[in-house]
PDB file of N, CA and C in Angstrom:
ATOM      1  N   UNK A   1       0.839  -1.169   0.003  1.00  0.00           N
ATOM      2  CA  UNK A   1       0.002  -0.013   0.002  1.00  0.00           C
ATOM      3  C   UNK A   1       0.880   1.236   0.007  1.00  0.00           C
ATOM      4  N   UNK A   2       0.520   2.211  -0.834  1.00  0.00           N
ATOM      5  CA  UNK A   2       1.242   3.454  -0.921  1.00  0.00           C
ATOM      6  C   UNK A   2       0.277   4.595  -0.629  1.00  0.00           C
ATOM      7  N   UNK A   3       0.723   5.556   0.160  1.00  0.00           N
ATOM      8  CA  UNK A   3      -0.083   6.733   0.459  1.00  0.00           C
ATOM      9  C   UNK A   3       0.620   7.935  -0.170  1.00  0.00           C
ATOM     10  N   UNK A   4      -0.128   8.670  -0.986  1.00  0.00           N
ATOM     11  CA  UNK A   4       0.390   9.888  -1.580  1.00  0.00           C
ATOM     12  C   UNK A   4      -0.264  11.087  -0.918  1.00  0.00           C
ATOM     13  N   UNK A   5       0.554  12.065  -0.558  1.00  0.00           N
ATOM     14  CA  UNK A   5      -0.001  13.274   0.068  1.00  0.00           C
ATOM     15  C   UNK A   5       0.416  14.503  -0.733  1.00  0.00           C
ATOM     16  N   UNK A   6      -0.449  15.460  -0.731  1.00  0.00           N
ATOM     17  CA  UNK A   6      -0.209  16.731  -1.411  1.00  0.00           C
ATOM     18  C   UNK A   6      -0.658  17.851  -0.459  1.00  0.00           C
ATOM     19  N   UNK A   7       0.274  18.722  -0.155  1.00  0.00           N
ATOM     20  CA  UNK A   7      -0.050  19.907   0.648  1.00  0.00           C
ATOM     21  C   UNK A   7      -0.016  21.097  -0.283  1.00  0.00           C
ATOM     22  N   UNK A   8      -1.099  21.902  -0.274  1.00  0.00           N
ATOM     23  CA  UNK A   8      -1.137  23.086  -1.097  1.00  0.00           C
ATOM     24  C   UNK A   8      -1.520  24.308  -0.261  1.00  0.00           C
ATOM     25  N   UNK A   9      -0.989  25.445  -0.659  1.00  0.00           N
ATOM     26  CA  UNK A   9      -1.355  26.715  -0.046  1.00  0.00           C
ATOM     27  C   UNK A   9      -1.928  27.607  -1.132  1.00  0.00           C
ATOM     28  N   UNK A  10      -3.026  28.272  -0.761  1.00  0.00           N
ATOM     29  CA  UNK A  10      -3.725  29.162  -1.676  1.00  0.00           C
ATOM     30  C   UNK A  10      -3.939  30.521  -1.035  1.00  0.00           C
ATOM     31  N   UNK A  11      -3.987  31.539  -1.856  1.00  0.00           N
ATOM     32  CA  UNK A  11      -4.247  32.903  -1.378  1.00  0.00           C
ATOM     33  C   UNK A  11      -5.633  33.330  -1.849  1.00  0.00           C
ATOM     34  N   UNK A  12      -6.372  33.941  -0.953  1.00  0.00           N
ATOM     35  CA  UNK A  12      -7.702  34.489  -1.264  1.00  0.00           C
ATOM     36  C   UNK A  12      -7.652  35.972  -1.117  1.00  0.00           C
ATOM     37  N   UNK A  13      -7.323  36.666  -2.154  1.00  0.00           N
ATOM     38  CA  UNK A  13      -7.167  38.111  -2.081  1.00  0.00           C
ATOM     39  C   UNK A  13      -8.493  38.832  -1.841  1.00  0.00           C
ATOM     40  N   UNK A  14      -9.610  38.305  -2.322  1.00  0.00           N
ATOM     41  CA  UNK A  14     -10.892  38.965  -2.192  1.00  0.00           C
ATOM     42  C   UNK A  14     -11.595  38.695  -0.867  1.00  0.00           C
ATOM     43  N   UNK A  15     -11.130  37.698  -0.131  1.00  0.00           N
ATOM     44  CA  UNK A  15     -11.796  37.343   1.128  1.00  0.00           C
ATOM     45  C   UNK A  15     -11.594  38.429   2.174  1.00  0.00           C
ATOM     46  N   UNK A  16     -12.679  38.867   2.776  1.00  0.00           N
ATOM     47  CA  UNK A  16     -12.611  39.886   3.813  1.00  0.00           C
ATOM     48  C   UNK A  16     -12.950  39.326   5.193  1.00  0.00           C
ATOM     49  N   UNK A  17     -13.486  38.120   5.208  1.00  0.00           N
ATOM     50  CA  UNK A  17     -13.868  37.522   6.493  1.00  0.00           C
ATOM     51  C   UNK A  17     -13.646  36.005   6.429  1.00  0.00           C
ATOM     52  N   UNK A  18     -13.704  35.397   7.594  1.00  0.00           N
ATOM     53  CA  UNK A  18     -13.579  33.944   7.656  1.00  0.00           C
ATOM     54  C   UNK A  18     -14.769  33.275   6.982  1.00  0.00           C
ATOM     55  N   UNK A  19     -15.922  33.936   6.971  1.00  0.00           N
ATOM     56  CA  UNK A  19     -17.078  33.386   6.282  1.00  0.00           C
ATOM     57  C   UNK A  19     -16.811  33.278   4.777  1.00  0.00           C
ATOM     58  N   UNK A  20     -16.196  34.294   4.187  1.00  0.00           N
ATOM     59  CA  UNK A  20     -15.840  34.241   2.768  1.00  0.00           C
ATOM     60  C   UNK A  20     -14.880  33.084   2.509  1.00  0.00           C
ATOM     61  N   UNK A  21     -13.892  32.947   3.387  1.00  0.00           N
ATOM     62  CA  UNK A  21     -12.907  31.881   3.236  1.00  0.00           C
ATOM     63  C   UNK A  21     -13.556  30.507   3.358  1.00  0.00           C
ATOM     64  N   UNK A  22     -14.418  30.333   4.353  1.00  0.00           N
ATOM     65  CA  UNK A  22     -15.065  29.026   4.565  1.00  0.00           C
ATOM     66  C   UNK A  22     -15.889  28.612   3.348  1.00  0.00           C
ATOM     67  N   UNK A  23     -16.535  29.572   2.730  1.00  0.00           N
ATOM     68  CA  UNK A  23     -17.342  29.266   1.545  1.00  0.00           C
ATOM     69  C   UNK A  23     -16.484  28.707   0.428  1.00  0.00           C
ATOM     70  N   UNK A  24     -15.353  29.340   0.142  1.00  0.00           N
ATOM     71  CA  UNK A  24     -14.444  28.885  -0.889  1.00  0.00           C
ATOM     72  C   UNK A  24     -13.820  27.549  -0.507  1.00  0.00           C
ATOM     73  N   UNK A  25     -13.382  27.448   0.727  1.00  0.00           N
ATOM     74  CA  UNK A  25     -12.713  26.236   1.211  1.00  0.00           C
ATOM     75  C   UNK A  25     -13.669  25.034   1.145  1.00  0.00           C
ATOM     76  N   UNK A  26     -14.863  25.187   1.647  1.00  0.00           N
ATOM     77  CA  UNK A  26     -15.832  24.092   1.641  1.00  0.00           C
ATOM     78  C   UNK A  26     -16.162  23.653   0.221  1.00  0.00           C
ATOM     79  N   UNK A  27     -16.363  24.615  -0.661  1.00  0.00           N
ATOM     80  CA  UNK A  27     -16.661  24.302  -2.047  1.00  0.00           C
ATOM     81  C   UNK A  27     -15.528  23.526  -2.701  1.00  0.00           C
ATOM     82  N   UNK A  28     -14.295  23.984  -2.518  1.00  0.00           N
ATOM     83  CA  UNK A  28     -13.141  23.331  -3.107  1.00  0.00           C
ATOM     84  C   UNK A  28     -12.945  21.932  -2.547  1.00  0.00           C
ATOM     85  N   UNK A  29     -13.060  21.782  -1.239  1.00  0.00           N
ATOM     86  CA  UNK A  29     -12.915  20.465  -0.616  1.00  0.00           C
ATOM     87  C   UNK A  29     -13.942  19.475  -1.146  1.00  0.00           C
ATOM     88  N   UNK A  30     -15.190  19.912  -1.232  1.00  0.00           N
ATOM     89  CA  UNK A  30     -16.262  19.035  -1.722  1.00  0.00           C
ATOM     90  C   UNK A  30     -16.030  18.624  -3.173  1.00  0.00           C
ATOM     91  N   UNK A  31     -15.640  19.592  -4.023  1.00  0.00           N
ATOM     92  CA  UNK A  31     -15.413  19.261  -5.435  1.00  0.00           C
ATOM     93  C   UNK A  31     -14.242  18.332  -5.599  1.00  0.00           C
ATOM     94  N   UNK A  32     -13.159  18.533  -4.853  1.00  0.00           N
ATOM     95  CA  UNK A  32     -11.993  17.641  -4.952  1.00  0.00           C
ATOM     96  C   UNK A  32     -12.359  16.225  -4.493  1.00  0.00           C
ATOM     97  N   UNK A  33     -13.047  16.127  -3.384  1.00  0.00           N
ATOM     98  CA  UNK A  33     -13.416  14.832  -2.849  1.00  0.00           C
ATOM     99  C   UNK A  33     -14.327  14.071  -3.814  1.00  0.00           C
ATOM    100  N   UNK A  34     -15.287  14.768  -4.391  1.00  0.00           N
ATOM    101  CA  UNK A  34     -16.232  14.127  -5.317  1.00  0.00           C
ATOM    102  C   UNK A  34     -15.579  13.784  -6.648  1.00  0.00           C
ATOM    103  N   UNK A  35     -14.765  14.683  -7.170  1.00  0.00           N
ATOM    104  CA  UNK A  35     -14.179  14.519  -8.496  1.00  0.00           C
ATOM    105  C   UNK A  35     -13.088  13.442  -8.522  1.00  0.00           C
ATOM    106  N   UNK A  36     -12.257  13.396  -7.450  1.00  0.00           N
ATOM    107  CA  UNK A  36     -11.080  12.532  -7.451  1.00  0.00           C
ATOM    108  C   UNK A  36     -11.117  11.379  -6.437  1.00  0.00           C
ATOM    109  N   UNK A  37     -12.160  11.307  -5.618  1.00  0.00           N
ATOM    110  CA  UNK A  37     -12.303  10.254  -4.633  1.00  0.00           C
ATOM    111  C   UNK A  37     -11.093  10.151  -3.711  1.00  0.00           C
ATOM    112  N   UNK A  38     -10.826  11.241  -3.014  1.00  0.00           N
ATOM    113  CA  UNK A  38      -9.684  11.294  -2.087  1.00  0.00           C
ATOM    114  C   UNK A  38     -10.076  12.051  -0.848  1.00  0.00           C
ATOM    115  N   UNK A  39      -9.176  12.092   0.122  1.00  0.00           N
ATOM    116  CA  UNK A  39      -9.449  12.783   1.390  1.00  0.00           C
ATOM    117  C   UNK A  39      -8.823  14.171   1.353  1.00  0.00           C
ATOM    118  N   UNK A  40      -9.574  15.173   1.834  1.00  0.00           N
ATOM    119  CA  UNK A  40      -9.110  16.551   1.845  1.00  0.00           C
ATOM    120  C   UNK A  40      -9.433  17.169   3.222  1.00  0.00           C
ATOM    121  N   UNK A  41      -8.468  17.904   3.761  1.00  0.00           N
ATOM    122  CA  UNK A  41      -8.695  18.594   5.043  1.00  0.00           C
ATOM    123  C   UNK A  41      -7.960  19.915   5.057  1.00  0.00           C
ATOM    124  N   UNK A  42      -8.528  20.891   5.724  1.00  0.00           N
ATOM    125  CA  UNK A  42      -7.834  22.157   5.946  1.00  0.00           C
ATOM    126  C   UNK A  42      -6.836  21.930   7.075  1.00  0.00           C
ATOM    127  N   UNK A  43      -5.551  22.217   6.837  1.00  0.00           N
ATOM    128  CA  UNK A  43      -4.528  21.841   7.811  1.00  0.00           C
ATOM    129  C   UNK A  43      -3.819  23.000   8.482  1.00  0.00           C
ATOM    130  N   UNK A  44      -4.058  24.227   8.017  1.00  0.00           N
ATOM    131  CA  UNK A  44      -3.394  25.376   8.639  1.00  0.00           C
ATOM    132  C   UNK A  44      -4.135  26.660   8.250  1.00  0.00           C
ATOM    133  N   UNK A  45      -3.792  27.753   8.906  1.00  0.00           N
ATOM    134  CA  UNK A  45      -4.342  29.082   8.636  1.00  0.00           C
ATOM    135  C   UNK A  45      -5.854  29.172   8.832  1.00  0.00           C
ATOM    136  N   UNK A  46      -6.395  28.428   9.792  1.00  0.00           N
ATOM    137  CA  UNK A  46      -7.834  28.443  10.020  1.00  0.00           C
ATOM    138  C   UNK A  46      -8.355  29.819  10.396  1.00  0.00           C
ATOM    139  N   UNK A  47      -7.541  30.657  11.023  1.00  0.00           N
ATOM    140  CA  UNK A  47      -7.989  31.973  11.461  1.00  0.00           C
ATOM    141  C   UNK A  47      -7.493  33.107  10.570  1.00  0.00           C
ATOM    142  N   UNK A  48      -6.929  32.792   9.435  1.00  0.00           N
ATOM    143  CA  UNK A  48      -6.457  33.795   8.477  1.00  0.00           C
ATOM    144  C   UNK A  48      -7.407  33.781   7.282  1.00  0.00           C
ATOM    145  N   UNK A  49      -8.179  34.864   7.069  1.00  0.00           N
ATOM    146  CA  UNK A  49      -9.180  34.844   5.999  1.00  0.00           C
ATOM    147  C   UNK A  49      -8.612  34.849   4.572  1.00  0.00           C
ATOM    148  N   UNK A  50      -7.322  35.113   4.423  1.00  0.00           N
ATOM    149  CA  UNK A  50      -6.787  35.200   3.064  1.00  0.00           C
ATOM    150  C   UNK A  50      -5.823  34.093   2.693  1.00  0.00           C
ATOM    151  N   UNK A  51      -5.721  33.063   3.538  1.00  0.00           N
ATOM    152  CA  UNK A  51      -4.833  31.926   3.205  1.00  0.00           C
ATOM    153  C   UNK A  51      -5.555  30.630   3.521  1.00  0.00           C
ATOM    154  N   UNK A  52      -5.331  29.640   2.638  1.00  0.00           N
ATOM    155  CA  UNK A  52      -5.866  28.302   2.809  1.00  0.00           C
ATOM    156  C   UNK A  52      -4.702  27.324   2.663  1.00  0.00           C
ATOM    157  N   UNK A  53      -4.615  26.358   3.582  1.00  0.00           N
ATOM    158  CA  UNK A  53      -3.663  25.262   3.456  1.00  0.00           C
ATOM    159  C   UNK A  53      -4.489  23.976   3.492  1.00  0.00           C
ATOM    160  N   UNK A  54      -4.376  23.187   2.438  1.00  0.00           N
ATOM    161  CA  UNK A  54      -5.105  21.942   2.354  1.00  0.00           C
ATOM    162  C   UNK A  54      -4.155  20.759   2.334  1.00  0.00           C
ATOM    163  N   UNK A  55      -4.528  19.711   3.027  1.00  0.00           N
ATOM    164  CA  UNK A  55      -3.825  18.433   2.969  1.00  0.00           C
ATOM    165  C   UNK A  55      -4.692  17.450   2.207  1.00  0.00           C
ATOM    166  N   UNK A  56      -4.109  16.803   1.223  1.00  0.00           N
ATOM    167  CA  UNK A  56      -4.845  15.875   0.366  1.00  0.00           C
ATOM    168  C   UNK A  56      -4.142  14.539   0.411  1.00  0.00           C
ATOM    169  N   UNK A  57      -4.910  13.463   0.577  1.00  0.00           N
ATOM    170  CA  UNK A  57      -4.314  12.121   0.652  1.00  0.00           C
ATOM    171  C   UNK A  57      -5.067  11.173  -0.275  1.00  0.00           C
ATOM    172  N   UNK A  58      -4.277  10.308  -0.925  1.00  0.00           N
ATOM    173  CA  UNK A  58      -4.844   9.272  -1.765  1.00  0.00           C
ATOM    174  C   UNK A  58      -4.042   7.980  -1.531  1.00  0.00           C
ATOM    175  N   UNK A  59      -4.725   6.847  -1.538  1.00  0.00           N
ATOM    176  CA  UNK A  59      -4.124   5.549  -1.247  1.00  0.00           C
ATOM    177  C   UNK A  59      -4.259   4.641  -2.435  1.00  0.00           C
ATOM    178  N   UNK A  60      -3.211   3.844  -2.711  1.00  0.00           N
ATOM    179  CA  UNK A  60      -3.258   2.898  -3.817  1.00  0.00           C
ATOM    180  C   UNK A  60      -2.081   1.967  -3.783  1.00  0.00           C
ATOM    181  N   UNK A  61      -1.960   1.155  -4.820  1.00  0.00           N
ATOM    182  CA  UNK A  61      -0.850   0.212  -4.897  1.00  0.00           C
ATOM    183  C   UNK A  61       0.142   0.556  -6.009  1.00  0.00           C
ATOM    184  N   UNK A  62      -0.215   1.496  -6.865  1.00  0.00           N
ATOM    185  CA  UNK A  62       0.647   1.866  -8.006  1.00  0.00           C
ATOM    186  C   UNK A  62       1.073   3.315  -7.863  1.00  0.00           C
ATOM    187  N   UNK A  63       2.357   3.536  -7.610  1.00  0.00           N
ATOM    188  CA  UNK A  63       2.842   4.890  -7.382  1.00  0.00           C
ATOM    189  C   UNK A  63       2.630   5.770  -8.609  1.00  0.00           C
ATOM    190  N   UNK A  64       2.802   5.231  -9.795  1.00  0.00           N
ATOM    191  CA  UNK A  64       2.615   6.033 -11.010  1.00  0.00           C
ATOM    192  C   UNK A  64       1.184   6.563 -11.101  1.00  0.00           C
ATOM    193  N   UNK A  65       0.222   5.734 -10.718  1.00  0.00           N
ATOM    194  CA  UNK A  65      -1.174   6.168 -10.741  1.00  0.00           C
ATOM    195  C   UNK A  65      -1.398   7.283  -9.703  1.00  0.00           C
ATOM    196  N   UNK A  66      -0.821   7.113  -8.530  1.00  0.00           N
ATOM    197  CA  UNK A  66      -0.974   8.148  -7.484  1.00  0.00           C
ATOM    198  C   UNK A  66      -0.342   9.461  -7.904  1.00  0.00           C
ATOM    199  N   UNK A  67       0.835   9.406  -8.545  1.00  0.00           N
ATOM    200  CA  UNK A  67       1.490  10.608  -9.057  1.00  0.00           C
ATOM    201  C   UNK A  67       0.579  11.303 -10.035  1.00  0.00           C
ATOM    202  N   UNK A  68      -0.003  10.521 -10.932  1.00  0.00           N
ATOM    203  CA  UNK A  68      -0.901  11.078 -11.951  1.00  0.00           C
ATOM    204  C   UNK A  68      -2.124  11.747 -11.311  1.00  0.00           C
ATOM    205  N   UNK A  69      -2.728  11.089 -10.338  1.00  0.00           N
ATOM    206  CA  UNK A  69      -3.907  11.647  -9.667  1.00  0.00           C
ATOM    207  C   UNK A  69      -3.544  12.939  -8.958  1.00  0.00           C
ATOM    208  N   UNK A  70      -2.450  12.961  -8.223  1.00  0.00           N
ATOM    209  CA  UNK A  70      -2.062  14.178  -7.504  1.00  0.00           C
ATOM    210  C   UNK A  70      -1.692  15.317  -8.449  1.00  0.00           C
ATOM    211  N   UNK A  71      -1.114  15.004  -9.585  1.00  0.00           N
ATOM    212  CA  UNK A  71      -0.819  16.034 -10.595  1.00  0.00           C
ATOM    213  C   UNK A  71      -2.128  16.638 -11.147  1.00  0.00           C
ATOM    214  N   UNK A  72      -3.111  15.787 -11.419  1.00  0.00           N
ATOM    215  CA  UNK A  72      -4.394  16.268 -11.883  1.00  0.00           C
ATOM    216  C   UNK A  72      -5.076  17.119 -10.837  1.00  0.00           C
ATOM    217  N   UNK A  73      -4.964  16.733  -9.577  1.00  0.00           N
ATOM    218  CA  UNK A  73      -5.546  17.507  -8.474  1.00  0.00           C
ATOM    219  C   UNK A  73      -4.874  18.878  -8.426  1.00  0.00           C
ATOM    220  N   UNK A  74      -3.567  18.883  -8.526  1.00  0.00           N
ATOM    221  CA  UNK A  74      -2.814  20.143  -8.490  1.00  0.00           C
ATOM    222  C   UNK A  74      -3.240  21.089  -9.634  1.00  0.00           C
ATOM    223  N   UNK A  75      -3.361  20.548 -10.833  1.00  0.00           N
ATOM    224  CA  UNK A  75      -3.821  21.347 -11.971  1.00  0.00           C
ATOM    225  C   UNK A  75      -5.244  21.859 -11.755  1.00  0.00           C
ATOM    226  N   UNK A  76      -6.104  21.027 -11.205  1.00  0.00           N
ATOM    227  CA  UNK A  76      -7.465  21.416 -10.923  1.00  0.00           C
ATOM    228  C   UNK A  76      -7.516  22.600  -9.937  1.00  0.00           C
ATOM    229  N   UNK A  77      -6.677  22.525  -8.904  1.00  0.00           N
ATOM    230  CA  UNK A  77      -6.622  23.591  -7.910  1.00  0.00           C
ATOM    231  C   UNK A  77      -6.042  24.875  -8.516  1.00  0.00           C
ATOM    232  N   UNK A  78      -5.010  24.727  -9.361  1.00  0.00           N
ATOM    233  CA  UNK A  78      -4.389  25.899  -9.984  1.00  0.00           C
ATOM    234  C   UNK A  78      -5.383  26.651 -10.872  1.00  0.00           C
ATOM    235  N   UNK A  79      -6.360  25.959 -11.416  1.00  0.00           N
ATOM    236  CA  UNK A  79      -7.341  26.584 -12.319  1.00  0.00           C
ATOM    237  C   UNK A  79      -8.493  27.226 -11.560  1.00  0.00           C
ATOM    238  N   UNK A  80      -8.533  27.128 -10.242  1.00  0.00           N
ATOM    239  CA  UNK A  80      -9.628  27.687  -9.470  1.00  0.00           C
ATOM    240  C   UNK A  80      -9.553  29.203  -9.539  1.00  0.00           C
ATOM    241  N   UNK A  81     -10.597  29.863 -10.069  1.00  0.00           N
ATOM    242  CA  UNK A  81     -10.551  31.319 -10.231  1.00  0.00           C
ATOM    243  C   UNK A  81     -10.684  32.100  -8.926  1.00  0.00           C
ATOM    244  N   UNK A  82     -11.175  31.489  -7.867  1.00  0.00           N
ATOM    245  CA  UNK A  82     -11.397  32.202  -6.614  1.00  0.00           C
ATOM    246  C   UNK A  82     -10.168  32.228  -5.693  1.00  0.00           C
ATOM    247  N   UNK A  83      -9.209  31.353  -5.961  1.00  0.00           N
ATOM    248  CA  UNK A  83      -8.041  31.274  -5.104  1.00  0.00           C
ATOM    249  C   UNK A  83      -6.775  31.193  -5.952  1.00  0.00           C
ATOM    250  N   UNK A  84      -5.767  31.940  -5.507  1.00  0.00           N
ATOM    251  CA  UNK A  84      -4.487  31.960  -6.231  1.00  0.00           C
ATOM    252  C   UNK A  84      -3.569  30.878  -5.659  1.00  0.00           C
ATOM    253  N   UNK A  85      -3.063  30.003  -6.499  1.00  0.00           N
ATOM    254  CA  UNK A  85      -2.182  28.915  -6.093  1.00  0.00           C
ATOM    255  C   UNK A  85      -0.854  29.524  -5.630  1.00  0.00           C
ATOM    256  N   UNK A  86      -0.390  29.130  -4.434  1.00  0.00           N
ATOM    257  CA  UNK A  86       0.861  29.688  -3.905  1.00  0.00           C
ATOM    258  C   UNK A  86       2.014  28.658  -3.953  1.00  0.00           C
ATOM    259  N   UNK A  87       1.795  27.494  -3.340  1.00  0.00           N
ATOM    260  CA  UNK A  87       2.860  26.477  -3.367  1.00  0.00           C
ATOM    261  C   UNK A  87       2.276  25.109  -3.070  1.00  0.00           C
ATOM    262  N   UNK A  88       3.090  24.064  -3.316  1.00  0.00           N
ATOM    263  CA  UNK A  88       2.641  22.707  -3.034  1.00  0.00           C
ATOM    264  C   UNK A  88       3.838  21.840  -2.678  1.00  0.00           C
ATOM    265  N   UNK A  89       3.531  20.725  -2.039  1.00  0.00           N
ATOM    266  CA  UNK A  89       4.553  19.763  -1.651  1.00  0.00           C
ATOM    267  C   UNK A  89       3.925  18.359  -1.683  1.00  0.00           C
ATOM    268  N   UNK A  90       4.588  17.420  -2.366  1.00  0.00           N
ATOM    269  CA  UNK A  90       4.072  16.067  -2.512  1.00  0.00           C
ATOM    270  C   UNK A  90       5.030  15.073  -1.842  1.00  0.00           C
ATOM    271  N   UNK A  91       4.455  14.078  -1.163  1.00  0.00           N
ATOM    272  CA  UNK A  91       5.237  13.009  -0.537  1.00  0.00           C
ATOM    273  C   UNK A  91       4.526  11.684  -0.723  1.00  0.00           C
ATOM    274  N   UNK A  92       5.300  10.599  -0.668  1.00  0.00           N
ATOM    275  CA  UNK A  92       4.737   9.257  -0.765  1.00  0.00           C
ATOM    276  C   UNK A  92       5.299   8.416   0.376  1.00  0.00           C
ATOM    277  N   UNK A  93       4.436   7.587   0.956  1.00  0.00           N
ATOM    278  CA  UNK A  93       4.819   6.736   2.093  1.00  0.00           C
ATOM    279  C   UNK A  93       4.523   5.286   1.756  1.00  0.00           C
TER     280      UNK A  93
END
């Protein structure tokens, strides 16, 4: 069994409140989970309305497949018009 993780940070320049941030975060988490069948959680910056840090995990037996899925997830997040992609980090266990 191989676990692939992806940590991403996003900037929300238009967000003025935590409510604005939660709306974008919840929508993105739900779409990622439904589209790619993986686990997503907010892992940092919970009290900062203009930053989002997400942890994403996927499990499988083929590392090449996991790399492909995480790359697609990263591209999907980068195309999100409401949040600016800042950085990412991928690991496999």
